[in-house]
Every structure is written in structure tokens, then in C-alpha cells.
N, C-alpha and C. Protein backbone atom coordinates (compact mmCIF):
# COMPACT_ATOMS: atom_id res chain seq x y z
N UNK A 1 -32.29 18.39 46.53
CA UNK A 1 -32.75 18.14 45.19
C UNK A 1 -32.16 19.19 44.27
N UNK A 2 -31.65 18.76 43.14
CA UNK A 2 -31.01 19.65 42.20
C UNK A 2 -31.96 19.85 41.02
N UNK A 3 -32.14 21.10 40.64
CA UNK A 3 -32.97 21.42 39.49
C UNK A 3 -32.06 21.80 38.33
N UNK A 4 -32.28 21.20 37.19
CA UNK A 4 -31.49 21.48 36.00
C UNK A 4 -32.31 22.30 35.02
N UNK A 5 -31.63 23.19 34.33
CA UNK A 5 -32.28 23.88 33.24
C UNK A 5 -32.46 22.91 32.08
N UNK A 6 -33.37 23.21 31.20
CA UNK A 6 -33.64 22.30 30.08
C UNK A 6 -32.42 22.13 29.19
N UNK A 7 -31.57 23.17 29.08
CA UNK A 7 -30.42 23.09 28.19
C UNK A 7 -29.22 22.39 28.82
N UNK A 8 -29.26 22.14 30.13
CA UNK A 8 -28.15 21.48 30.80
C UNK A 8 -28.35 19.98 30.78
N UNK A 9 -27.23 19.27 30.65
CA UNK A 9 -27.30 17.82 30.69
C UNK A 9 -26.38 17.32 31.79
N UNK A 10 -26.80 16.34 32.54
CA UNK A 10 -25.88 15.76 33.52
C UNK A 10 -24.69 15.14 32.81
N UNK A 11 -23.58 15.06 33.49
CA UNK A 11 -22.37 14.53 32.86
C UNK A 11 -22.55 13.08 32.46
N UNK A 12 -23.34 12.33 33.16
CA UNK A 12 -23.56 10.94 32.78
C UNK A 12 -24.34 10.82 31.48
N UNK A 13 -25.17 11.81 31.16
CA UNK A 13 -25.93 11.75 29.92
C UNK A 13 -25.01 11.90 28.71
N UNK A 14 -23.86 12.57 28.90
CA UNK A 14 -22.93 12.78 27.80
C UNK A 14 -22.04 11.57 27.57
N UNK A 15 -21.94 10.69 28.54
CA UNK A 15 -21.08 9.51 28.42
C UNK A 15 -21.75 8.45 27.55
N UNK A 16 -20.94 7.66 26.82
CA UNK A 16 -21.52 6.60 26.00
C UNK A 16 -22.24 5.59 26.89
N UNK A 17 -23.34 5.06 26.41
CA UNK A 17 -24.14 4.16 27.24
C UNK A 17 -23.51 2.79 27.39
N UNK A 18 -22.77 2.38 26.41
CA UNK A 18 -22.14 1.06 26.49
C UNK A 18 -20.70 1.13 26.02
N UNK A 19 -19.99 0.12 26.37
CA UNK A 19 -18.60 0.03 25.92
C UNK A 19 -18.53 -0.10 24.41
N UNK A 20 -19.47 -0.83 23.82
CA UNK A 20 -19.45 -1.04 22.38
C UNK A 20 -19.68 0.25 21.61
N UNK A 21 -20.54 1.12 22.12
CA UNK A 21 -20.75 2.39 21.41
C UNK A 21 -19.50 3.26 21.50
N UNK A 22 -18.79 3.21 22.63
CA UNK A 22 -17.55 3.97 22.76
C UNK A 22 -16.49 3.45 21.78
N UNK A 23 -16.40 2.15 21.65
CA UNK A 23 -15.43 1.54 20.71
C UNK A 23 -15.81 1.90 19.28
N UNK A 24 -17.09 1.85 18.96
CA UNK A 24 -17.54 2.19 17.61
C UNK A 24 -17.23 3.65 17.29
N UNK A 25 -17.44 4.55 18.24
CA UNK A 25 -17.12 5.96 18.02
C UNK A 25 -15.63 6.17 17.82
N UNK A 26 -14.82 5.43 18.58
CA UNK A 26 -13.37 5.54 18.44
C UNK A 26 -12.92 5.15 17.02
N UNK A 27 -13.43 4.02 16.53
CA UNK A 27 -13.05 3.58 15.20
C UNK A 27 -13.62 4.49 14.11
N UNK A 28 -14.76 5.09 14.35
CA UNK A 28 -15.32 6.05 13.39
C UNK A 28 -14.41 7.28 13.29
N UNK A 29 -13.91 7.73 14.42
CA UNK A 29 -12.98 8.88 14.40
C UNK A 29 -11.69 8.52 13.68
N UNK A 30 -11.18 7.31 13.90
CA UNK A 30 -9.97 6.87 13.19
C UNK A 30 -10.19 6.84 11.68
N UNK A 31 -11.35 6.32 11.24
CA UNK A 31 -11.65 6.27 9.81
C UNK A 31 -11.76 7.68 9.24
N UNK A 32 -12.37 8.60 9.97
CA UNK A 32 -12.51 9.97 9.48
C UNK A 32 -11.15 10.65 9.35
N UNK A 33 -10.28 10.44 10.33
CA UNK A 33 -8.94 11.03 10.25
C UNK A 33 -8.16 10.47 9.06
N UNK A 34 -8.27 9.16 8.85
CA UNK A 34 -7.56 8.55 7.74
C UNK A 34 -8.09 9.07 6.40
N UNK A 35 -9.40 9.22 6.29
CA UNK A 35 -9.99 9.73 5.05
C UNK A 35 -9.50 11.15 4.78
N UNK A 36 -9.40 11.97 5.83
CA UNK A 36 -8.91 13.33 5.65
C UNK A 36 -7.45 13.33 5.21
N UNK A 37 -6.65 12.47 5.83
CA UNK A 37 -5.23 12.40 5.47
C UNK A 37 -5.06 11.96 4.02
N UNK A 38 -5.84 10.99 3.58
CA UNK A 38 -5.77 10.51 2.20
C UNK A 38 -6.18 11.63 1.24
N UNK A 39 -7.20 12.40 1.61
CA UNK A 39 -7.65 13.50 0.75
C UNK A 39 -6.55 14.56 0.60
N UNK A 40 -5.89 14.91 1.70
CA UNK A 40 -4.82 15.91 1.60
C UNK A 40 -3.63 15.38 0.81
N UNK A 41 -3.32 14.11 0.99
CA UNK A 41 -2.22 13.53 0.24
C UNK A 41 -2.53 13.47 -1.26
N UNK A 42 -3.79 13.26 -1.61
CA UNK A 42 -4.14 13.27 -3.03
C UNK A 42 -4.05 14.69 -3.60
N UNK A 43 -4.33 15.69 -2.78
CA UNK A 43 -4.16 17.07 -3.23
C UNK A 43 -2.69 17.39 -3.49
N UNK A 44 -1.79 16.74 -2.76
CA UNK A 44 -0.36 16.97 -2.97
C UNK A 44 0.10 16.48 -4.34
N UNK A 45 -0.66 15.60 -4.96
CA UNK A 45 -0.30 15.09 -6.28
C UNK A 45 -0.64 16.10 -7.39
N UNK A 46 -1.44 17.10 -7.08
CA UNK A 46 -1.79 18.12 -8.08
C UNK A 46 -0.56 18.95 -8.41
N UNK A 47 -0.52 19.47 -9.64
CA UNK A 47 0.60 20.34 -10.01
C UNK A 47 0.37 21.73 -9.38
N UNK A 48 1.44 22.52 -9.23
CA UNK A 48 1.33 23.82 -8.57
C UNK A 48 0.32 24.77 -9.22
N UNK A 49 0.17 24.71 -10.53
CA UNK A 49 -0.78 25.61 -11.20
C UNK A 49 -2.22 25.27 -10.79
N UNK A 50 -2.51 24.00 -10.67
CA UNK A 50 -3.86 23.60 -10.29
C UNK A 50 -4.15 23.98 -8.83
N UNK A 51 -3.14 23.80 -7.96
CA UNK A 51 -3.31 24.22 -6.57
C UNK A 51 -3.51 25.73 -6.49
N UNK A 52 -2.80 26.47 -7.34
CA UNK A 52 -2.96 27.91 -7.36
C UNK A 52 -4.38 28.29 -7.80
N UNK A 53 -4.93 27.54 -8.73
CA UNK A 53 -6.32 27.77 -9.12
C UNK A 53 -7.28 27.55 -7.96
N UNK A 54 -6.94 26.61 -7.08
CA UNK A 54 -7.76 26.35 -5.90
C UNK A 54 -7.53 27.38 -4.80
N UNK A 55 -6.47 28.15 -4.92
CA UNK A 55 -6.18 29.19 -3.94
C UNK A 55 -5.33 28.72 -2.78
N UNK A 56 -4.66 27.59 -2.94
CA UNK A 56 -3.78 27.08 -1.90
C UNK A 56 -2.44 26.71 -2.52
N UNK A 57 -1.47 26.42 -1.69
CA UNK A 57 -0.19 25.93 -2.19
C UNK A 57 0.24 24.72 -1.37
N UNK A 58 1.36 24.14 -1.75
CA UNK A 58 1.81 22.92 -1.08
C UNK A 58 2.11 23.14 0.39
N UNK A 59 2.61 24.30 0.74
CA UNK A 59 2.92 24.59 2.13
C UNK A 59 1.66 24.55 2.99
N UNK A 60 0.55 25.05 2.47
CA UNK A 60 -0.72 24.98 3.19
C UNK A 60 -1.12 23.53 3.44
N UNK A 61 -0.90 22.67 2.45
CA UNK A 61 -1.24 21.25 2.61
C UNK A 61 -0.33 20.57 3.62
N UNK A 62 0.96 20.91 3.60
CA UNK A 62 1.88 20.32 4.58
C UNK A 62 1.48 20.74 5.99
N UNK A 63 1.09 22.00 6.16
CA UNK A 63 0.65 22.46 7.47
C UNK A 63 -0.60 21.72 7.91
N UNK A 64 -1.51 21.47 6.99
CA UNK A 64 -2.74 20.75 7.31
C UNK A 64 -2.44 19.30 7.71
N UNK A 65 -1.49 18.67 7.03
CA UNK A 65 -1.13 17.30 7.37
C UNK A 65 -0.40 17.21 8.69
N UNK A 66 0.39 18.23 9.03
CA UNK A 66 1.16 18.21 10.27
C UNK A 66 0.32 18.46 11.51
N UNK A 67 -0.80 19.15 11.36
CA UNK A 67 -1.61 19.49 12.53
C UNK A 67 -3.09 19.17 12.30
N UNK A 68 -3.44 17.89 12.25
CA UNK A 68 -4.84 17.54 11.99
C UNK A 68 -5.78 17.93 13.12
N UNK A 69 -5.25 18.12 14.32
CA UNK A 69 -6.13 18.47 15.44
C UNK A 69 -6.51 19.95 15.45
N UNK A 70 -5.90 20.77 14.61
CA UNK A 70 -6.17 22.20 14.61
C UNK A 70 -7.09 22.62 13.46
N UNK A 71 -8.02 21.76 13.09
CA UNK A 71 -9.03 22.03 12.07
C UNK A 71 -8.39 22.48 10.74
N UNK A 72 -7.71 21.56 10.07
CA UNK A 72 -7.01 21.91 8.83
C UNK A 72 -7.94 22.38 7.72
N UNK A 73 -9.14 21.85 7.66
CA UNK A 73 -10.08 22.29 6.63
C UNK A 73 -10.42 23.76 6.77
N UNK A 74 -10.57 24.21 8.00
CA UNK A 74 -10.84 25.63 8.24
C UNK A 74 -9.66 26.49 7.80
N UNK A 75 -8.46 26.04 8.09
CA UNK A 75 -7.25 26.78 7.69
C UNK A 75 -7.15 26.88 6.17
N UNK A 76 -7.42 25.77 5.47
CA UNK A 76 -7.36 25.81 4.01
C UNK A 76 -8.43 26.72 3.43
N UNK A 77 -9.62 26.72 4.02
CA UNK A 77 -10.67 27.63 3.55
C UNK A 77 -10.30 29.09 3.76
N UNK A 78 -9.67 29.39 4.90
CA UNK A 78 -9.21 30.76 5.15
C UNK A 78 -8.16 31.16 4.12
N UNK A 79 -7.25 30.26 3.83
CA UNK A 79 -6.20 30.55 2.84
C UNK A 79 -6.80 30.80 1.46
N UNK A 80 -7.81 30.00 1.09
CA UNK A 80 -8.49 30.20 -0.20
C UNK A 80 -9.19 31.55 -0.24
N UNK A 81 -9.81 31.94 0.88
CA UNK A 81 -10.50 33.22 0.93
C UNK A 81 -9.50 34.37 0.81
N UNK A 82 -8.35 34.25 1.47
CA UNK A 82 -7.32 35.27 1.36
C UNK A 82 -6.83 35.39 -0.08
N UNK A 83 -6.63 34.27 -0.72
CA UNK A 83 -6.17 34.26 -2.10
C UNK A 83 -7.20 34.90 -3.03
N UNK A 84 -8.47 34.61 -2.80
CA UNK A 84 -9.53 35.20 -3.62
C UNK A 84 -9.60 36.70 -3.42
N UNK A 85 -9.39 37.15 -2.19
CA UNK A 85 -9.41 38.58 -1.90
C UNK A 85 -8.29 39.30 -2.63
N UNK A 86 -7.13 38.65 -2.74
CA UNK A 86 -6.01 39.26 -3.45
C UNK A 86 -6.34 39.45 -4.92
N UNK A 87 -7.10 38.52 -5.50
CA UNK A 87 -7.48 38.63 -6.90
C UNK A 87 -8.52 39.73 -7.12
N UNK A 88 -9.40 39.90 -6.15
CA UNK A 88 -10.50 40.86 -6.31
C UNK A 88 -10.07 42.29 -5.99
N UNK A 89 -9.22 42.46 -5.00
CA UNK A 89 -8.76 43.79 -4.61
C UNK A 89 -7.49 44.14 -5.36
N UNK A 90 -7.48 45.26 -6.06
CA UNK A 90 -6.25 45.64 -6.79
C UNK A 90 -5.18 46.17 -5.87
């Protein structure tokens, strides 16, 4: 008999219960990726001065579009924080 801690879950509990829920999750992930890609592409339409006001540049956006699996939103937030620090620190 195996005893599990309350925080542990058997591997079967993590699996989708039905094929339909797995398919629905797959399409939800596809929609989320597409929405993110559309958002980054719309940012590319901004002029350089406006992007500079946001603390990013076009190269940051190209990097985000090229590597969506590496958490591009986090990378853009880090870049904005670095840019803000440059303005605050003389």
C-alpha cells in the first residue's frame, strides 16, 4: 500500500479525464499563442518614439516573436525595467 502526502498527486490525476477536454485545452493554447502573436505584431506598428516611451525597442519585439516558448512577456517586462532604471539612475 502506498501512502501519498496531501500535496502529491498521482500521475493519472494530472492527465485529462477525457479526450474532448484534451482537445479543448490544445485549441485553447493555440488561441492564446495566436492572440499573443497578434499583440506583438500590433506593437511593431508603433513608431520608435512610442516604443521608447514604453521602454522597449523593435529588436525586443522581434526576439519575443522568434521565441514564444521562452516567456516573451517576461523578457519584455525585464527590458522595460532595465530601461526605467537607466532613466532613474544618473
